[in-house]
Amino acid sequence: MWKKKLKSIQGVSVEVSLENKWAIVTSMNTLDENILKEKVKEAGYTVIQIKPYES
């Protein structure tokens, strides 16, 4: 369910480790942090940190 919620955000890919308790969400587009946080919350989880990609 968590992966489906995150993937419902258009243009994202998701990598998750349940064992290590993290998820990486990547997108070629700018993401609205509030939408990302809402989808994570809907899936029953809490956002701890959001780090923008730095090239």
PDB file of N, CA and C in Angstrom:
ATOM      1  N   MET A   1       0.821  -1.197   0.000  1.00  0.00           N
ATOM      2  CA  MET A   1       0.000   0.000   0.000  1.00  0.00           C
ATOM      3  C   MET A   1       0.864   1.261   0.000  1.00  0.00           C
ATOM      4  N   TRP A   2       1.912   1.297   0.775  1.00  0.00           N
ATOM      5  CA  TRP A   2       2.778   2.475   0.866  1.00  0.00           C
ATOM      6  C   TRP A   2       3.387   2.806  -0.477  1.00  0.00           C
ATOM      7  N   LYS A   3       3.842   1.783  -1.191  1.00  0.00           N
ATOM      8  CA  LYS A   3       4.476   2.017  -2.490  1.00  0.00           C
ATOM      9  C   LYS A   3       3.452   2.548  -3.494  1.00  0.00           C
ATOM     10  N   LYS A   4       2.235   2.010  -3.454  1.00  0.00           N
ATOM     11  CA  LYS A   4       1.171   2.458  -4.347  1.00  0.00           C
ATOM     12  C   LYS A   4       0.840   3.926  -4.089  1.00  0.00           C
ATOM     13  N   LYS A   5       0.766   4.321  -2.817  1.00  0.00           N
ATOM     14  CA  LYS A   5       0.475   5.718  -2.469  1.00  0.00           C
ATOM     15  C   LYS A   5       1.557   6.644  -3.013  1.00  0.00           C
ATOM     16  N   LEU A   6       2.822   6.278  -2.808  1.00  0.00           N
ATOM     17  CA  LEU A   6       3.912   7.132  -3.282  1.00  0.00           C
ATOM     18  C   LEU A   6       3.977   7.167  -4.803  1.00  0.00           C
ATOM     19  N   LYS A   7       3.734   6.023  -5.429  1.00  0.00           N
ATOM     20  CA  LYS A   7       3.777   5.976  -6.893  1.00  0.00           C
ATOM     21  C   LYS A   7       2.590   6.691  -7.526  1.00  0.00           C
ATOM     22  N   SER A   8       1.564   7.015  -6.727  1.00  0.00           N
ATOM     23  CA  SER A   8       0.420   7.745  -7.273  1.00  0.00           C
ATOM     24  C   SER A   8       0.791   9.191  -7.584  1.00  0.00           C
ATOM     25  N   ILE A   9       1.932   9.645  -7.104  1.00  0.00           N
ATOM     26  CA  ILE A   9       2.432  10.977  -7.453  1.00  0.00           C
ATOM     27  C   ILE A   9       3.058  10.849  -8.832  1.00  0.00           C
ATOM     28  N   GLN A  10       2.558  11.579  -9.784  1.00  0.00           N
ATOM     29  CA  GLN A  10       2.978  11.449 -11.176  1.00  0.00           C
ATOM     30  C   GLN A  10       4.476  11.670 -11.340  1.00  0.00           C
ATOM     31  N   GLY A  11       5.132  10.739 -12.045  1.00  0.00           N
ATOM     32  CA  GLY A  11       6.521  10.899 -12.425  1.00  0.00           C
ATOM     33  C   GLY A  11       7.548  10.506 -11.378  1.00  0.00           C
ATOM     34  N   VAL A  12       7.153   9.792 -10.331  1.00  0.00           N
ATOM     35  CA  VAL A  12       8.123   9.413  -9.306  1.00  0.00           C
ATOM     36  C   VAL A  12       8.487   7.940  -9.410  1.00  0.00           C
ATOM     37  N   SER A  13       9.671   7.627  -8.915  1.00  0.00           N
ATOM     38  CA  SER A  13      10.049   6.238  -8.699  1.00  0.00           C
ATOM     39  C   SER A  13      10.349   6.091  -7.212  1.00  0.00           C
ATOM     40  N   VAL A  14      10.162   4.893  -6.704  1.00  0.00           N
ATOM     41  CA  VAL A  14      10.271   4.668  -5.265  1.00  0.00           C
ATOM     42  C   VAL A  14      11.175   3.473  -4.998  1.00  0.00           C
ATOM     43  N   GLU A  15      12.105   3.646  -4.068  1.00  0.00           N
ATOM     44  CA  GLU A  15      12.936   2.552  -3.569  1.00  0.00           C
ATOM     45  C   GLU A  15      12.720   2.506  -2.060  1.00  0.00           C
ATOM     46  N   VAL A  16      12.412   1.334  -1.531  1.00  0.00           N
ATOM     47  CA  VAL A  16      12.066   1.218  -0.116  1.00  0.00           C
ATOM     48  C   VAL A  16      12.828   0.060   0.519  1.00  0.00           C
ATOM     49  N   SER A  17      13.271   0.268   1.750  1.00  0.00           N
ATOM     50  CA  SER A  17      13.839  -0.802   2.562  1.00  0.00           C
ATOM     51  C   SER A  17      13.028  -0.875   3.856  1.00  0.00           C
ATOM     52  N   LEU A  18      12.158  -1.864   3.963  1.00  0.00           N
ATOM     53  CA  LEU A  18      11.391  -2.038   5.198  1.00  0.00           C
ATOM     54  C   LEU A  18      12.310  -2.451   6.339  1.00  0.00           C
ATOM     55  N   GLU A  19      13.323  -3.235   6.021  1.00  0.00           N
ATOM     56  CA  GLU A  19      14.273  -3.688   7.038  1.00  0.00           C
ATOM     57  C   GLU A  19      15.031  -2.510   7.658  1.00  0.00           C
ATOM     58  N   ASN A  20      15.456  -1.571   6.825  1.00  0.00           N
ATOM     59  CA  ASN A  20      16.230  -0.423   7.315  1.00  0.00           C
ATOM     60  C   ASN A  20      15.376   0.808   7.589  1.00  0.00           C
ATOM     61  N   LYS A  21      14.077   0.692   7.318  1.00  0.00           N
ATOM     62  CA  LYS A  21      13.096   1.739   7.613  1.00  0.00           C
ATOM     63  C   LYS A  21      13.362   3.054   6.884  1.00  0.00           C
ATOM     64  N   TRP A  22      13.562   2.974   5.554  1.00  0.00           N
ATOM     65  CA  TRP A  22      13.712   4.189   4.759  1.00  0.00           C
ATOM     66  C   TRP A  22      13.069   4.007   3.392  1.00  0.00           C
ATOM     67  N   ALA A  23      12.805   5.152   2.772  1.00  0.00           N
ATOM     68  CA  ALA A  23      12.300   5.171   1.395  1.00  0.00           C
ATOM     69  C   ALA A  23      12.975   6.311   0.664  1.00  0.00           C
ATOM     70  N   ILE A  24      13.307   6.070  -0.586  1.00  0.00           N
ATOM     71  CA  ILE A  24      13.852   7.114  -1.442  1.00  0.00           C
ATOM     72  C   ILE A  24      12.864   7.319  -2.585  1.00  0.00           C
ATOM     73  N   VAL A  25      12.400   8.549  -2.722  1.00  0.00           N
ATOM     74  CA  VAL A  25      11.474   8.912  -3.784  1.00  0.00           C
ATOM     75  C   VAL A  25      12.219   9.861  -4.707  1.00  0.00           C
ATOM     76  N   THR A  26      12.298   9.508  -5.976  1.00  0.00           N
ATOM     77  CA  THR A  26      12.988  10.361  -6.939  1.00  0.00           C
ATOM     78  C   THR A  26      12.044  10.762  -8.055  1.00  0.00           C
ATOM     79  N   SER A  27      12.323  11.921  -8.629  1.00  0.00           N
ATOM     80  CA  SER A  27      11.509  12.438  -9.713  1.00  0.00           C
ATOM     81  C   SER A  27      12.351  13.350 -10.585  1.00  0.00           C
ATOM     82  N   MET A  28      12.063  13.351 -11.852  1.00  0.00           N
ATOM     83  CA  MET A  28      12.719  14.281 -12.770  1.00  0.00           C
ATOM     84  C   MET A  28      12.068  15.656 -12.676  1.00  0.00           C
ATOM     85  N   ASN A  29      10.917  15.728 -12.038  1.00  0.00           N
ATOM     86  CA  ASN A  29      10.177  16.976 -11.875  1.00  0.00           C
ATOM     87  C   ASN A  29      10.297  17.464 -10.439  1.00  0.00           C
ATOM     88  N   THR A  30      10.025  18.733 -10.230  1.00  0.00           N
ATOM     89  CA  THR A  30       9.979  19.279  -8.886  1.00  0.00           C
ATOM     90  C   THR A  30       8.753  18.722  -8.175  1.00  0.00           C
ATOM     91  N   LEU A  31       8.941  18.229  -6.950  1.00  0.00           N
ATOM     92  CA  LEU A  31       7.834  17.665  -6.180  1.00  0.00           C
ATOM     93  C   LEU A  31       7.359  18.669  -5.139  1.00  0.00           C
ATOM     94  N   ASP A  32       6.065  18.705  -4.936  1.00  0.00           N
ATOM     95  CA  ASP A  32       5.483  19.503  -3.864  1.00  0.00           C
ATOM     96  C   ASP A  32       5.660  18.711  -2.571  1.00  0.00           C
ATOM     97  N   GLU A  33       6.460  19.238  -1.644  1.00  0.00           N
ATOM     98  CA  GLU A  33       6.747  18.516  -0.403  1.00  0.00           C
ATOM     99  C   GLU A  33       5.485  18.207   0.391  1.00  0.00           C
ATOM    100  N   ASN A  34       4.503  19.094   0.343  1.00  0.00           N
ATOM    101  CA  ASN A  34       3.261  18.856   1.085  1.00  0.00           C
ATOM    102  C   ASN A  34       2.505  17.655   0.542  1.00  0.00           C
ATOM    103  N   ILE A  35       2.483  17.494  -0.780  1.00  0.00           N
ATOM    104  CA  ILE A  35       1.823  16.334  -1.386  1.00  0.00           C
ATOM    105  C   ILE A  35       2.584  15.067  -1.018  1.00  0.00           C
ATOM    106  N   LEU A  36       3.899  15.116  -1.077  1.00  0.00           N
ATOM    107  CA  LEU A  36       4.708  13.959  -0.714  1.00  0.00           C
ATOM    108  C   LEU A  36       4.450  13.558   0.737  1.00  0.00           C
ATOM    109  N   LYS A  37       4.450  14.523   1.634  1.00  0.00           N
ATOM    110  CA  LYS A  37       4.196  14.248   3.049  1.00  0.00           C
ATOM    111  C   LYS A  37       2.799  13.663   3.259  1.00  0.00           C
ATOM    112  N   GLU A  38       1.819  14.185   2.534  1.00  0.00           N
ATOM    113  CA  GLU A  38       0.444  13.696   2.663  1.00  0.00           C
ATOM    114  C   GLU A  38       0.336  12.238   2.223  1.00  0.00           C
ATOM    115  N   LYS A  39       0.975  11.891   1.107  1.00  0.00           N
ATOM    116  CA  LYS A  39       0.921  10.509   0.606  1.00  0.00           C
ATOM    117  C   LYS A  39       1.596   9.555   1.581  1.00  0.00           C
ATOM    118  N   VAL A  40       2.706   9.980   2.175  1.00  0.00           N
ATOM    119  CA  VAL A  40       3.394   9.146   3.160  1.00  0.00           C
ATOM    120  C   VAL A  40       2.500   8.942   4.382  1.00  0.00           C
ATOM    121  N   LYS A  41       1.856  10.022   4.831  1.00  0.00           N
ATOM    122  CA  LYS A  41       0.953   9.937   5.983  1.00  0.00           C
ATOM    123  C   LYS A  41      -0.232   9.020   5.677  1.00  0.00           C
ATOM    124  N   GLU A  42      -0.809   9.130   4.466  1.00  0.00           N
ATOM    125  CA  GLU A  42      -1.930   8.276   4.060  1.00  0.00           C
ATOM    126  C   GLU A  42      -1.540   6.804   4.094  1.00  0.00           C
ATOM    127  N   ALA A  43      -0.263   6.529   3.831  1.00  0.00           N
ATOM    128  CA  ALA A  43       0.220   5.147   3.839  1.00  0.00           C
ATOM    129  C   ALA A  43       0.528   4.661   5.255  1.00  0.00           C
ATOM    130  N   GLY A  44       0.389   5.552   6.247  1.00  0.00           N
ATOM    131  CA  GLY A  44       0.585   5.149   7.636  1.00  0.00           C
ATOM    132  C   GLY A  44       1.987   5.368   8.169  1.00  0.00           C
ATOM    133  N   TYR A  45       2.766   6.215   7.499  1.00  0.00           N
ATOM    134  CA  TYR A  45       4.144   6.457   7.907  1.00  0.00           C
ATOM    135  C   TYR A  45       4.365   7.930   8.200  1.00  0.00           C
ATOM    136  N   THR A  46       5.554   8.260   8.689  1.00  0.00           N
ATOM    137  CA  THR A  46       5.908   9.628   9.047  1.00  0.00           C
ATOM    138  C   THR A  46       7.143  10.054   8.268  1.00  0.00           C
ATOM    139  N   VAL A  47       7.124  11.255   7.725  1.00  0.00           N
ATOM    140  CA  VAL A  47       8.298  11.812   7.056  1.00  0.00           C
ATOM    141  C   VAL A  47       9.249  12.327   8.131  1.00  0.00           C
ATOM    142  N   ILE A  48      10.481  11.872   8.079  1.00  0.00           N
ATOM    143  CA  ILE A  48      11.502  12.324   9.016  1.00  0.00           C
ATOM    144  C   ILE A  48      12.351  13.428   8.376  1.00  0.00           C
ATOM    145  N   GLN A  49      12.669  13.247   7.114  1.00  0.00           N
ATOM    146  CA  GLN A  49      13.552  14.202   6.447  1.00  0.00           C
ATOM    147  C   GLN A  49      13.292  14.179   4.941  1.00  0.00           C
ATOM    148  N   ILE A  50      13.373  15.347   4.327  1.00  0.00           N
ATOM    149  CA  ILE A  50      13.331  15.468   2.877  1.00  0.00           C
ATOM    150  C   ILE A  50      14.611  16.168   2.454  1.00  0.00           C
ATOM    151  N   LYS A  51      15.357  15.514   1.586  1.00  0.00           N
ATOM    152  CA  LYS A  51      16.601  16.104   1.106  1.00  0.00           C
ATOM    153  C   LYS A  51      16.512  16.253  -0.410  1.00  0.00           C
ATOM    154  N   PRO A  52      16.617  17.481  -0.905  1.00  0.00           N
ATOM    155  CA  PRO A  52      16.618  17.655  -2.357  1.00  0.00           C
ATOM    156  C   PRO A  52      17.898  17.103  -2.961  1.00  0.00           C
ATOM    157  N   TYR A  53      17.781  16.614  -4.161  1.00  0.00           N
ATOM    158  CA  TYR A  53      18.942  16.101  -4.889  1.00  0.00           C
ATOM    159  C   TYR A  53      19.879  17.244  -5.234  1.00  0.00           C
ATOM    160  N   GLU A  54      21.126  17.035  -4.976  1.00  0.00           N
ATOM    161  CA  GLU A  54      22.150  18.023  -5.341  1.00  0.00           C
ATOM    162  C   GLU A  54      23.139  17.367  -6.263  1.00  0.00           C
ATOM    163  N   SER A  55      23.283  17.923  -7.468  1.00  0.00           N
ATOM    164  CA  SER A  55      24.203  17.310  -8.420  1.00  0.00           C
ATOM    165  C   SER A  55      25.620  17.794  -8.224  1.00  0.00           C
TER     166      SER A  55
END
